[in-house]
Amino acid sequence: MPAVPQDPFDWTDAAARRRADAGLVRALRPRPAESALLDLASNDYLGLTRRPEVTEAAASAARRWGAGATGSRLVTGSTELHAELEHELARFCGFESALVFSSGYAANLAVLTALSAHGTLIVSDAGNHASIVDGCRLSRAETAVVAHADPEAVAKTLDAHRGRRALLVSDSVFSVDGDAAPLASFAGVCRAHGAALVVDDAHGFGVLGEGGRGALQAAGLAGATGVVATLTLSKSLGSQGGAVLGPARVIEHLVNAARTFIFDTGLAPAAVGAALASLRLLRREPALADRARSVAGILHARLTEAGLTAARPDAAVVSVQAPSPEAAVRWAADCRAAGLAVGCFRPPSVPDGVSRIRLTARADLTDRQIGAAVATVLEAAPGG
């Protein structure tokens, strides 16, 4: 009989050594309330997270409704403020109904587990976010992963499973390269096969579509039969939380069947108030969406003109290739040392194995800040 270990977590030391040997150690870096860094690493696409109207709305909601939701949405966690946000989100994005969750991650898990009954086939794009991957796994449905942004691959997969209930799930804008999914083509394939279409619009909402109404609105699919959208309140709206938008009967089903809704504490009132204020700001200032896309285009043009390899941004993500994982880490660190915060992506977080730094375009960046960011990236570039 093998010896009983003295500490049942000793195995984590070996796991830590393997991560260190592979250069994949992650570490928390608490940021101060005020920073001299120029931020092109966060997802604050519209620059709303510090807008006075938004922060005051968060404080006002906390004063009125309390610091927390106090319970799950079905017990005490639904306030009139939650209902107000859901109504305005659905109306703004062009859907019949909406349901707010504590995170976009929870929203994706809810849709994929609650809408995939026994026997359902889930077709998932190879570039999908981890929350979609986890939702597919938790659903216990058969999942077919298909080539990235390839409607023909989706059609072939659905053809091979005709007669089964099926669901296609895809990001609208993929977080690594910032490229957009061919949603209109995806929708056509789904209609031809009687399949549902679920789109995670986390990186499209607030940036794409008329006045930031999202990628589905831009593709003419908002409110379409058989279409459900998920999104996050933590990117363009600068707050926290997530939402599902779709037909009222789908939302009603989630209320009754989605475990990440039923058993999770409701989103804190402060986050709801902030998201609602940001949504109203976006409605009053639709040019914010245009500006975010414009900044992304300028960053891409200047970096590629200087000889770097960067994916064409379809929304607000500008991804720049690095020659190796080590070079990407050094590049991001050197940018930070020079006063610029950028993201860093390397295996296994990137599906194609190509390491990158990622710049987030923000609507509130000035022309001077854009120029400074480009200069810093070029000066810190490997071999630069």
Protein backbone atom coordinates (compact mmCIF):
# COMPACT_ATOMS: atom_id res chain seq x y z
CA MET A 1 0.00 0.00 0.00
CA PRO A 2 1.47 3.39 -0.97
CA ALA A 3 2.39 5.79 1.81
CA VAL A 4 -0.22 8.41 2.74
CA PRO A 5 1.14 11.89 1.97
CA GLN A 6 1.54 14.21 4.96
CA ASP A 7 0.18 17.16 3.02
CA PRO A 8 -2.48 16.46 0.36
CA PHE A 9 -1.45 19.59 -1.57
CA ASP A 10 2.22 18.65 -2.01
CA TRP A 11 1.47 17.90 -5.66
CA THR A 12 0.97 21.64 -6.31
CA ASP A 13 4.71 22.19 -5.80
CA ALA A 14 5.47 19.93 -8.76
CA ALA A 15 2.82 21.71 -10.82
CA ALA A 16 4.43 25.04 -9.93
CA ARG A 17 7.84 23.79 -11.03
CA ARG A 18 6.42 22.63 -14.36
CA ARG A 19 4.86 26.05 -14.94
CA ALA A 20 8.12 27.78 -14.08
CA ASP A 21 10.12 25.52 -16.40
CA ALA A 22 7.68 26.30 -19.22
CA GLY A 23 7.76 30.03 -18.51
CA LEU A 24 4.00 30.06 -17.84
CA VAL A 25 3.81 31.41 -14.30
CA ARG A 26 0.97 33.86 -13.79
CA ALA A 27 1.06 36.45 -11.01
CA LEU A 28 -1.33 39.04 -9.67
CA ARG A 29 -0.20 42.65 -10.02
CA PRO A 30 -2.46 44.88 -7.89
CA ARG A 31 -2.74 48.30 -9.49
CA PRO A 32 -3.05 51.55 -7.55
CA ALA A 33 -6.12 53.75 -7.83
CA GLU A 34 -4.08 56.27 -9.81
CA SER A 35 -1.37 55.22 -12.25
CA ALA A 36 1.01 57.03 -14.57
CA LEU A 37 0.75 54.17 -17.06
CA LEU A 38 -1.06 54.78 -20.33
CA ASP A 39 -3.59 51.95 -20.35
CA LEU A 40 -3.93 49.97 -23.58
CA ALA A 41 -4.29 46.67 -21.72
CA SER A 42 -7.77 46.86 -20.20
CA ASN A 43 -11.10 46.31 -21.96
CA ASP A 44 -12.42 49.80 -21.20
CA TYR A 45 -13.15 50.36 -24.90
CA LEU A 46 -15.23 53.51 -24.52
CA GLY A 47 -13.29 55.00 -21.61
CA LEU A 48 -16.38 55.05 -19.40
CA THR A 49 -15.20 53.29 -16.25
CA ARG A 50 -14.02 56.59 -14.70
CA ARG A 51 -16.57 58.92 -16.22
CA PRO A 52 -18.05 60.96 -13.34
CA GLU A 53 -21.61 60.14 -14.43
CA VAL A 54 -20.81 56.42 -14.22
CA THR A 55 -18.95 56.42 -10.90
CA GLU A 56 -21.62 58.61 -9.30
CA ALA A 57 -24.33 56.27 -10.57
CA ALA A 58 -22.49 53.35 -8.94
CA ALA A 59 -22.21 55.22 -5.63
CA SER A 60 -25.84 56.33 -5.77
CA ALA A 61 -27.05 52.77 -6.43
CA ALA A 62 -25.02 51.46 -3.48
CA ARG A 63 -26.42 54.13 -1.18
CA ARG A 64 -29.99 53.39 -2.25
CA TRP A 65 -29.96 49.61 -2.70
CA GLY A 66 -27.05 48.52 -0.49
CA ALA A 67 -23.54 47.22 -1.08
CA GLY A 68 -24.67 43.80 -2.29
CA ALA A 69 -27.65 42.17 -3.97
CA THR A 70 -28.22 40.20 -0.71
CA GLY A 71 -29.21 36.96 -2.43
CA SER A 72 -29.87 35.10 -5.64
CA ARG A 73 -32.00 36.79 -8.28
CA LEU A 74 -34.95 34.51 -7.49
CA VAL A 75 -34.88 35.31 -3.76
CA THR A 76 -33.86 38.88 -2.86
CA GLY A 77 -31.25 39.66 -5.51
CA SER A 78 -33.51 41.24 -8.15
CA THR A 79 -34.03 44.96 -7.67
CA GLU A 80 -36.04 47.40 -9.75
CA LEU A 81 -32.66 48.61 -11.00
CA HIS A 82 -31.86 45.16 -12.43
CA ALA A 83 -35.20 45.13 -14.26
CA GLU A 84 -34.54 48.63 -15.60
CA LEU A 85 -31.14 47.64 -16.98
CA GLU A 86 -32.57 44.49 -18.59
CA HIS A 87 -35.34 46.46 -20.27
CA GLU A 88 -32.97 49.11 -21.62
CA LEU A 89 -30.35 46.59 -22.79
CA ALA A 90 -32.94 44.63 -24.75
CA ARG A 91 -34.42 47.77 -26.31
CA PHE A 92 -31.00 49.24 -27.19
CA CYS A 93 -29.68 46.04 -28.78
CA GLY A 94 -32.92 45.15 -30.58
CA PHE A 95 -33.91 42.00 -28.71
CA GLU A 96 -37.20 41.03 -27.12
CA SER A 97 -35.83 40.39 -23.64
CA ALA A 98 -32.66 40.37 -21.52
CA LEU A 99 -31.39 38.77 -18.32
CA VAL A 100 -28.50 40.13 -16.23
CA PHE A 101 -25.90 37.83 -14.64
CA SER A 102 -23.02 38.38 -12.24
CA SER A 103 -20.51 37.99 -15.09
CA GLY A 104 -20.26 37.39 -18.81
CA TYR A 105 -18.66 34.04 -17.97
CA ALA A 106 -21.76 33.03 -15.99
CA ALA A 107 -23.99 34.18 -18.86
CA ASN A 108 -22.19 31.91 -21.34
CA LEU A 109 -22.32 28.95 -18.98
CA ALA A 110 -26.04 29.55 -18.49
CA VAL A 111 -26.92 29.61 -22.18
CA LEU A 112 -24.85 26.60 -23.17
CA THR A 113 -25.96 24.39 -20.30
CA ALA A 114 -29.64 25.38 -20.25
CA LEU A 115 -30.20 25.36 -24.03
CA SER A 116 -28.53 22.04 -24.80
CA ALA A 117 -30.88 19.31 -23.68
CA HIS A 118 -29.90 15.64 -23.99
CA GLY A 119 -29.03 14.81 -27.59
CA THR A 120 -28.12 18.36 -28.60
CA LEU A 121 -25.10 18.92 -30.82
CA ILE A 122 -23.05 22.04 -30.05
CA VAL A 123 -20.88 23.32 -32.90
CA SER A 124 -18.16 25.58 -31.50
CA ASP A 125 -15.66 27.80 -33.33
CA ALA A 126 -12.03 26.85 -32.64
CA GLY A 127 -11.23 30.42 -31.58
CA ASN A 128 -13.95 30.73 -28.95
CA HIS A 129 -13.35 32.16 -25.48
CA ALA A 130 -12.64 29.88 -22.51
CA SER A 131 -16.08 30.58 -21.05
CA ILE A 132 -17.66 29.06 -24.17
CA VAL A 133 -15.30 26.08 -24.02
CA ASP A 134 -16.22 25.51 -20.38
CA GLY A 135 -19.92 25.94 -21.13
CA CYS A 136 -19.70 23.25 -23.80
CA ARG A 137 -17.98 20.90 -21.37
CA LEU A 138 -20.47 21.52 -18.57
CA SER A 139 -23.42 21.07 -20.90
CA ARG A 140 -22.47 17.38 -21.39
CA ALA A 141 -23.70 17.76 -24.95
CA GLU A 142 -21.71 16.37 -27.86
CA THR A 143 -19.46 19.22 -29.01
CA ALA A 144 -17.89 19.51 -32.46
CA VAL A 145 -15.09 22.08 -32.67
CA VAL A 146 -14.84 23.47 -36.20
CA ALA A 147 -12.25 25.52 -38.06
CA HIS A 148 -12.10 29.17 -37.11
CA ALA A 149 -14.62 31.50 -38.79
CA ASP A 150 -15.48 28.88 -41.42
CA PRO A 151 -19.19 28.69 -42.39
CA GLU A 152 -18.47 25.78 -44.75
CA ALA A 153 -17.01 23.74 -41.89
CA VAL A 154 -20.13 24.49 -39.84
CA ALA A 155 -22.39 23.42 -42.71
CA LYS A 156 -20.52 20.14 -43.20
CA THR A 157 -20.76 19.36 -39.50
CA LEU A 158 -24.48 20.10 -39.38
CA ASP A 159 -25.02 18.08 -42.58
CA ALA A 160 -23.44 15.08 -40.87
CA HIS A 161 -25.90 15.37 -37.97
CA ARG A 162 -29.17 16.20 -39.75
CA GLY A 163 -32.28 15.61 -37.68
CA ARG A 164 -30.58 16.44 -34.36
CA ARG A 165 -31.21 19.49 -32.26
CA ALA A 166 -28.18 21.69 -32.88
CA LEU A 167 -26.66 24.94 -31.69
CA LEU A 168 -23.77 26.95 -33.19
CA VAL A 169 -21.82 29.11 -30.75
CA SER A 170 -19.24 31.73 -31.67
CA ASP A 171 -17.64 34.88 -30.41
CA SER A 172 -18.63 37.91 -32.46
CA VAL A 173 -15.14 39.40 -32.16
CA PHE A 174 -12.34 37.07 -31.12
CA SER A 175 -10.27 38.34 -28.22
CA VAL A 176 -6.84 37.22 -29.41
CA ASP A 177 -6.65 38.73 -32.92
CA GLY A 178 -9.68 41.03 -32.81
CA ASP A 179 -11.16 39.54 -36.00
CA ALA A 180 -14.93 39.33 -36.45
CA ALA A 181 -16.93 36.17 -37.08
CA PRO A 182 -18.91 35.91 -40.36
CA LEU A 183 -22.20 36.18 -38.48
CA ALA A 184 -24.47 36.66 -41.50
CA SER A 185 -23.06 33.50 -43.10
CA PHE A 186 -23.27 31.62 -39.82
CA ALA A 187 -26.91 32.64 -39.50
CA GLY A 188 -27.67 31.45 -43.02
CA VAL A 189 -26.14 28.04 -42.33
CA CYS A 190 -28.11 27.78 -39.07
CA ARG A 191 -31.40 28.66 -40.79
CA ALA A 192 -30.78 26.07 -43.48
CA HIS A 193 -30.24 23.38 -40.84
CA GLY A 194 -32.78 24.47 -38.23
CA ALA A 195 -30.00 25.19 -35.74
CA ALA A 196 -29.87 27.91 -33.10
CA LEU A 197 -27.16 30.57 -33.19
CA VAL A 198 -25.57 31.78 -29.94
CA VAL A 199 -23.15 34.70 -30.21
CA ASP A 200 -20.91 36.03 -27.46
CA ASP A 201 -20.80 39.76 -28.26
CA ALA A 202 -18.44 40.71 -25.44
CA HIS A 203 -15.98 42.47 -27.75
CA GLY A 204 -18.53 43.77 -30.26
CA PHE A 205 -21.13 45.38 -28.02
CA GLY A 206 -20.45 49.09 -27.63
CA VAL A 207 -18.02 49.13 -30.58
CA LEU A 208 -19.82 47.61 -33.58
CA GLY A 209 -23.26 48.33 -34.97
CA GLU A 210 -25.21 51.56 -35.10
CA GLY A 211 -24.12 53.62 -32.10
CA GLY A 212 -22.46 50.57 -30.53
CA ARG A 213 -25.54 48.33 -30.60
CA GLY A 214 -23.34 45.32 -31.26
CA ALA A 215 -22.20 42.89 -33.92
CA LEU A 216 -25.59 41.22 -34.24
CA GLN A 217 -27.29 44.53 -34.97
CA ALA A 218 -24.55 45.29 -37.51
CA ALA A 219 -25.22 41.94 -39.21
CA GLY A 220 -28.99 42.48 -39.25
CA LEU A 221 -29.54 39.66 -36.77
CA ALA A 222 -30.73 41.50 -33.67
CA GLY A 223 -34.01 39.95 -32.58
CA ALA A 224 -33.91 37.36 -35.37
CA THR A 225 -35.61 34.01 -34.88
CA GLY A 226 -33.29 31.40 -33.40
CA VAL A 227 -30.63 33.90 -32.33
CA VAL A 228 -29.38 34.51 -28.77
CA ALA A 229 -26.64 36.92 -27.71
CA THR A 230 -24.51 37.09 -24.60
CA LEU A 231 -22.43 40.08 -23.60
CA THR A 232 -20.47 41.54 -20.75
CA LEU A 233 -21.01 44.78 -18.88
CA SER A 234 -17.31 44.96 -17.99
CA LYS A 235 -15.88 46.07 -21.32
CA SER A 236 -17.61 48.85 -23.25
CA LEU A 237 -19.87 49.74 -20.31
CA GLY A 238 -16.92 49.89 -17.90
CA SER A 239 -18.79 48.12 -15.10
CA GLN A 240 -19.14 44.44 -14.19
CA GLY A 241 -21.54 41.63 -14.97
CA GLY A 242 -23.03 39.95 -18.02
CA ALA A 243 -26.31 39.52 -19.84
CA VAL A 244 -28.19 37.23 -22.20
CA LEU A 245 -30.46 38.74 -24.86
CA GLY A 246 -33.00 36.85 -26.93
CA PRO A 247 -36.63 35.81 -27.28
CA ALA A 248 -38.73 36.19 -24.12
CA ARG A 249 -39.38 32.43 -23.99
CA VAL A 250 -35.64 31.73 -23.98
CA ILE A 251 -35.07 34.21 -21.16
CA GLU A 252 -37.95 32.65 -19.20
CA HIS A 253 -36.35 29.24 -19.71
CA LEU A 254 -33.02 30.50 -18.36
CA VAL A 255 -34.72 31.90 -15.26
CA ASN A 256 -36.05 28.43 -14.57
CA ALA A 257 -33.21 26.22 -15.80
CA ALA A 258 -29.85 28.05 -15.77
CA ARG A 259 -27.89 27.05 -12.67
CA THR A 260 -25.53 30.04 -12.87
CA PHE A 261 -28.61 32.24 -12.60
CA ILE A 262 -30.64 30.28 -10.05
CA PHE A 263 -27.85 29.58 -7.57
CA ASP A 264 -25.66 32.68 -7.95
CA THR A 265 -25.95 35.89 -5.95
CA GLY A 266 -27.32 38.70 -8.08
CA LEU A 267 -25.09 41.40 -9.54
CA ALA A 268 -24.30 44.11 -6.97
CA PRO A 269 -26.47 47.25 -7.31
CA ALA A 270 -23.41 49.48 -7.77
CA ALA A 271 -22.40 47.52 -10.88
CA VAL A 272 -25.97 47.62 -12.20
CA GLY A 273 -26.18 51.37 -11.67
CA ALA A 274 -22.84 51.96 -13.38
CA ALA A 275 -23.78 49.80 -16.38
CA LEU A 276 -27.11 51.59 -16.74
CA ALA A 277 -25.42 55.00 -16.64
CA SER A 278 -22.87 53.89 -19.26
CA LEU A 279 -25.60 52.52 -21.51
CA ARG A 280 -27.42 55.84 -21.35
CA LEU A 281 -24.18 57.70 -22.09
CA LEU A 282 -23.61 55.51 -25.14
CA ARG A 283 -27.13 56.21 -26.32
CA ARG A 284 -26.49 59.97 -25.99
CA GLU A 285 -22.97 59.79 -27.45
CA PRO A 286 -23.07 57.23 -30.29
CA ALA A 287 -19.83 58.62 -31.73
CA LEU A 288 -17.97 56.81 -28.92
CA ALA A 289 -18.29 53.57 -30.88
CA ASP A 290 -16.96 55.20 -34.05
CA ARG A 291 -14.03 56.68 -32.16
CA ALA A 292 -13.02 53.33 -30.64
CA ARG A 293 -12.92 51.75 -34.10
CA SER A 294 -11.06 54.74 -35.50
CA VAL A 295 -8.37 54.54 -32.81
CA ALA A 296 -7.92 50.82 -33.53
CA GLY A 297 -7.50 51.58 -37.23
CA ILE A 298 -4.90 54.27 -36.55
CA LEU A 299 -2.89 51.99 -34.24
CA HIS A 300 -2.95 49.18 -36.78
CA ALA A 301 -1.96 51.40 -39.69
CA ARG A 302 0.98 53.01 -37.90
CA LEU A 303 2.34 49.76 -36.50
CA THR A 304 2.12 47.87 -39.79
CA GLU A 305 3.58 50.79 -41.73
CA ALA A 306 6.57 50.52 -39.38
CA GLY A 307 7.02 46.87 -40.35
CA LEU A 308 5.26 45.02 -37.52
CA THR A 309 2.82 42.19 -38.22
CA ALA A 310 -0.61 43.02 -36.80
CA ALA A 311 -4.04 41.56 -37.50
CA ARG A 312 -6.51 43.97 -39.08
CA PRO A 313 -8.85 45.02 -36.26
CA ASP A 314 -12.56 44.51 -36.89
CA ALA A 315 -13.45 46.17 -33.59
CA ALA A 316 -11.17 47.62 -30.88
CA VAL A 317 -8.52 44.89 -30.41
CA VAL A 318 -5.13 45.34 -32.10
CA SER A 319 -3.00 42.19 -31.93
CA VAL A 320 0.72 42.40 -32.83
CA GLN A 321 2.78 39.26 -33.40
CA ALA A 322 5.94 38.55 -31.42
CA PRO A 323 8.73 36.19 -32.57
CA SER A 324 8.53 33.98 -29.45
CA PRO A 325 6.76 33.65 -26.09
CA GLU A 326 9.84 35.02 -24.34
CA ALA A 327 9.98 37.99 -26.71
CA ALA A 328 6.31 38.76 -26.10
CA VAL A 329 6.84 38.79 -22.34
CA ARG A 330 9.90 41.04 -22.65
CA TRP A 331 8.09 43.32 -25.10
CA ALA A 332 5.16 43.82 -22.76
CA ALA A 333 7.51 44.35 -19.79
CA ASP A 334 9.61 46.90 -21.69
CA CYS A 335 6.48 48.77 -22.73
CA ARG A 336 5.38 48.85 -19.11
CA ALA A 337 8.75 50.15 -17.98
CA ALA A 338 8.36 52.93 -20.55
CA GLY A 339 4.92 53.87 -19.22
CA LEU A 340 2.59 51.85 -21.46
CA ALA A 341 0.42 48.92 -20.35
CA VAL A 342 -0.30 46.34 -23.07
CA GLY A 343 -1.60 42.78 -22.97
CA CYS A 344 0.54 39.72 -23.59
CA PHE A 345 -0.75 36.46 -25.10
CA ARG A 346 1.33 33.30 -25.47
CA PRO A 347 0.79 29.56 -25.59
CA PRO A 348 -1.32 27.85 -24.37
CA SER A 349 -3.66 30.87 -24.35
CA VAL A 350 -3.33 31.34 -28.12
CA PRO A 351 -4.78 28.56 -30.28
CA ASP A 352 -2.32 28.98 -33.15
CA GLY A 353 0.79 29.01 -30.97
CA VAL A 354 1.81 32.50 -32.13
CA SER A 355 2.65 34.83 -29.24
CA ARG A 356 1.39 38.40 -29.34
CA ILE A 357 1.08 41.64 -27.51
CA ARG A 358 -2.40 43.12 -27.60
CA LEU A 359 -3.37 46.77 -27.61
CA THR A 360 -6.86 47.88 -26.66
CA ALA A 361 -8.15 50.90 -28.52
CA ARG A 362 -10.11 53.30 -26.33
CA ALA A 363 -12.51 56.00 -27.45
CA ASP A 364 -11.07 58.51 -24.97
CA LEU A 365 -7.47 58.29 -26.19
CA THR A 366 -6.14 61.57 -27.55
CA ASP A 367 -4.09 61.81 -30.74
CA ARG A 368 -1.05 62.58 -28.58
CA GLN A 369 -1.60 59.44 -26.49
CA ILE A 370 -1.99 57.33 -29.63
CA GLY A 371 1.29 58.68 -30.97
CA ALA A 372 3.06 58.00 -27.67
CA ALA A 373 1.71 54.46 -27.56
CA VAL A 374 2.89 53.68 -31.09
CA ALA A 375 6.34 55.14 -30.39
CA THR A 376 6.69 53.06 -27.22
CA VAL A 377 5.65 49.82 -28.90
CA LEU A 378 8.11 50.39 -31.75
CA GLU A 379 10.99 51.34 -29.44
CA ALA A 380 10.38 48.27 -27.26
CA ALA A 381 9.84 45.87 -30.18
CA PRO A 382 12.16 42.83 -30.32
CA GLY A 383 15.13 43.82 -32.45
CA GLY A 384 13.90 47.42 -32.47
